[in-house]
Protein backbone atom coordinates (compact mmCIF):
# COMPACT_ATOMS: atom_id res chain seq x y z
CA UNK A 1 9.32 99.92 -120.38
CA UNK A 2 6.81 98.04 -122.82
CA UNK A 3 6.35 99.39 -126.70
CA UNK A 4 4.21 96.69 -128.14
CA UNK A 5 4.67 92.74 -128.10
CA UNK A 6 7.88 92.63 -130.21
CA UNK A 7 9.42 95.43 -128.46
CA UNK A 8 10.77 96.32 -124.68
CA UNK A 9 13.20 99.12 -123.56
CA UNK A 10 15.57 98.28 -120.82
CA UNK A 11 16.29 100.33 -117.84
CA UNK A 12 19.80 100.95 -118.86
CA UNK A 13 18.90 102.55 -122.48
CA UNK A 14 17.12 105.15 -120.63
CA UNK A 15 18.21 108.39 -118.70
CA UNK A 16 17.14 111.35 -117.33
CA UNK A 17 18.41 114.50 -116.29
CA UNK A 18 16.10 116.80 -113.96
CA UNK A 19 16.68 120.77 -114.42
CA UNK A 20 14.88 124.01 -113.19
CA UNK A 21 12.09 124.65 -115.55
CA UNK A 22 11.66 128.28 -117.03
CA UNK A 23 8.36 129.96 -116.81
CA UNK A 24 5.60 130.69 -114.63
CA UNK A 25 5.66 128.95 -110.97
CA UNK A 26 6.99 131.56 -108.59
CA UNK A 27 9.93 130.63 -106.36
CA UNK A 28 8.95 126.92 -106.86
CA UNK A 29 10.74 127.52 -110.61
CA UNK A 30 13.53 128.71 -108.31
CA UNK A 31 14.26 125.70 -106.21
CA UNK A 32 12.88 122.67 -107.69
CA UNK A 33 14.38 120.92 -110.51
CA UNK A 34 11.22 120.25 -112.30
CA UNK A 35 11.62 119.95 -115.98
CA UNK A 36 13.11 116.23 -117.35
CA UNK A 37 15.34 115.56 -120.53
CA UNK A 38 14.58 111.63 -121.18
CA UNK A 39 17.68 110.62 -123.04
CA UNK A 40 17.12 107.32 -125.19
CA UNK A 41 20.21 105.46 -126.78
CA UNK A 42 18.03 104.28 -129.69
CA UNK A 43 21.08 103.57 -132.01
CA UNK A 44 22.79 101.38 -129.35
CA UNK A 45 19.32 99.55 -128.42
CA UNK A 46 19.64 95.76 -129.11
CA UNK A 47 15.68 95.94 -129.07
CA UNK A 48 15.02 98.28 -131.78
CA UNK A 49 15.27 96.34 -135.79
CA UNK A 50 17.31 98.31 -137.66
CA UNK A 51 14.20 99.62 -139.70
CA UNK A 52 12.36 100.96 -137.05
CA UNK A 53 15.64 102.61 -136.00
CA UNK A 54 15.83 104.54 -139.28
CA UNK A 55 12.21 105.56 -139.32
CA UNK A 56 13.09 106.76 -135.76
CA UNK A 57 15.64 108.91 -136.30
CA UNK A 58 13.50 110.35 -139.56
CA UNK A 59 10.44 111.02 -136.93
CA UNK A 60 12.64 112.25 -134.33
CA UNK A 61 14.23 115.12 -136.27
CA UNK A 62 15.85 117.25 -134.48
CA UNK A 63 15.53 115.74 -131.02
CA UNK A 64 17.82 112.86 -132.70
CA UNK A 65 21.28 114.03 -131.62
CA UNK A 66 25.01 112.90 -133.41
CA UNK A 67 25.57 110.37 -130.94
CA UNK A 68 22.54 108.44 -131.61
CA UNK A 69 19.99 108.81 -128.82
CA UNK A 70 16.71 110.37 -128.68
CA UNK A 71 16.60 113.49 -126.51
CA UNK A 72 12.62 114.46 -125.12
CA UNK A 73 12.77 117.68 -122.56
CA UNK A 74 9.42 118.33 -121.25
CA UNK A 75 8.48 121.20 -118.57
CA UNK A 76 4.92 121.46 -118.92
CA UNK A 77 3.40 120.97 -114.97
CA UNK A 78 5.24 121.82 -111.62
CA UNK A 79 5.73 118.26 -110.75
CA UNK A 80 8.97 116.57 -111.44
CA UNK A 81 7.34 113.46 -111.68
CA UNK A 82 4.19 114.11 -113.84
CA UNK A 83 6.80 115.82 -116.20
CA UNK A 84 8.50 112.12 -116.06
CA UNK A 85 5.59 110.74 -117.23
CA UNK A 86 4.87 112.50 -119.91
CA UNK A 87 8.33 111.92 -121.22
CA UNK A 88 8.25 108.33 -121.06
CA UNK A 89 4.69 108.69 -122.77
CA UNK A 90 6.35 110.60 -125.62
CA UNK A 91 9.05 108.27 -126.36
CA UNK A 92 6.74 105.19 -126.38
CA UNK A 93 4.10 107.23 -128.83
CA UNK A 94 7.70 108.16 -130.76
CA UNK A 95 8.48 104.66 -131.03
CA UNK A 96 5.32 103.22 -131.58
CA UNK A 97 4.65 105.55 -134.61
CA UNK A 98 8.43 104.12 -135.62
CA UNK A 99 7.27 100.61 -135.59
CA UNK A 100 4.42 101.35 -138.40
CA UNK A 101 5.31 100.66 -142.18
CA UNK A 102 4.61 103.97 -143.75
CA UNK A 103 2.00 102.79 -146.77
CA UNK A 104 4.06 102.34 -150.48
CA UNK A 105 3.05 105.02 -152.78
CA UNK A 106 1.58 103.96 -156.01
CA UNK A 107 2.13 106.60 -158.75
CA UNK A 108 -1.03 107.47 -160.65
CA UNK A 109 -1.57 109.12 -164.20
CA UNK A 110 -4.11 111.87 -164.93
CA UNK A 111 -6.81 110.72 -166.96
CA UNK A 112 -7.12 111.63 -170.46
CA UNK A 113 -9.92 113.54 -170.04
CA UNK A 114 -8.36 115.52 -167.01
CA UNK A 115 -5.44 116.21 -169.35
CA UNK A 116 -7.64 117.64 -172.11
CA UNK A 117 -9.70 119.69 -169.66
CA UNK A 118 -6.46 121.16 -168.25
CA UNK A 119 -4.96 121.92 -171.60
CA UNK A 120 -8.72 123.43 -172.68
CA UNK A 121 -8.38 125.80 -169.60
CA UNK A 122 -4.85 126.74 -170.08
CA UNK A 123 -5.87 127.76 -173.88
CA UNK A 124 -8.87 130.10 -172.47
CA UNK A 125 -6.56 131.63 -170.21
CA UNK A 126 -3.96 132.12 -172.89
CA UNK A 127 -6.76 133.81 -175.11
CA UNK A 128 -8.58 136.14 -172.37
CA UNK A 129 -4.64 137.37 -171.57
CA UNK A 130 -3.69 138.09 -175.25
CA UNK A 131 -7.29 140.09 -175.61
CA UNK A 132 -5.88 142.65 -173.23
CA UNK A 133 -2.66 143.55 -175.34
CA UNK A 134 -2.66 146.91 -177.42
CA UNK A 135 -4.95 146.96 -180.61
CA UNK A 136 -2.79 147.04 -183.94
CA UNK A 137 -4.70 149.33 -186.33
């Protein structure tokens, strides 16, 4: 499976399990295993660079297992073949997102004028609140 020019995933790194899907579908649900659980052993993959693995772990969230695998579960359609395609597409999308380096945040400082406006607004608000108090005679 091809991700981009540098990264390709071998078939031995993927494993699929088929189970019965929940939800509507009539008798088809009771007799055909259409739901797909695609498992990609990301931690052991020799084709993924370490930075991509770290970003993939963060992006996968709860789909990342303790063993270092990404598990994608799909039960959207009544067709097992279509669910397999959807699962593989989602895995490719997830890995492609992980290959993109996030932009480094450049810290900025507020302008002097914006600081002055904020402090003036706070003073005005405090003055309004002070006027709400009881009047001393």
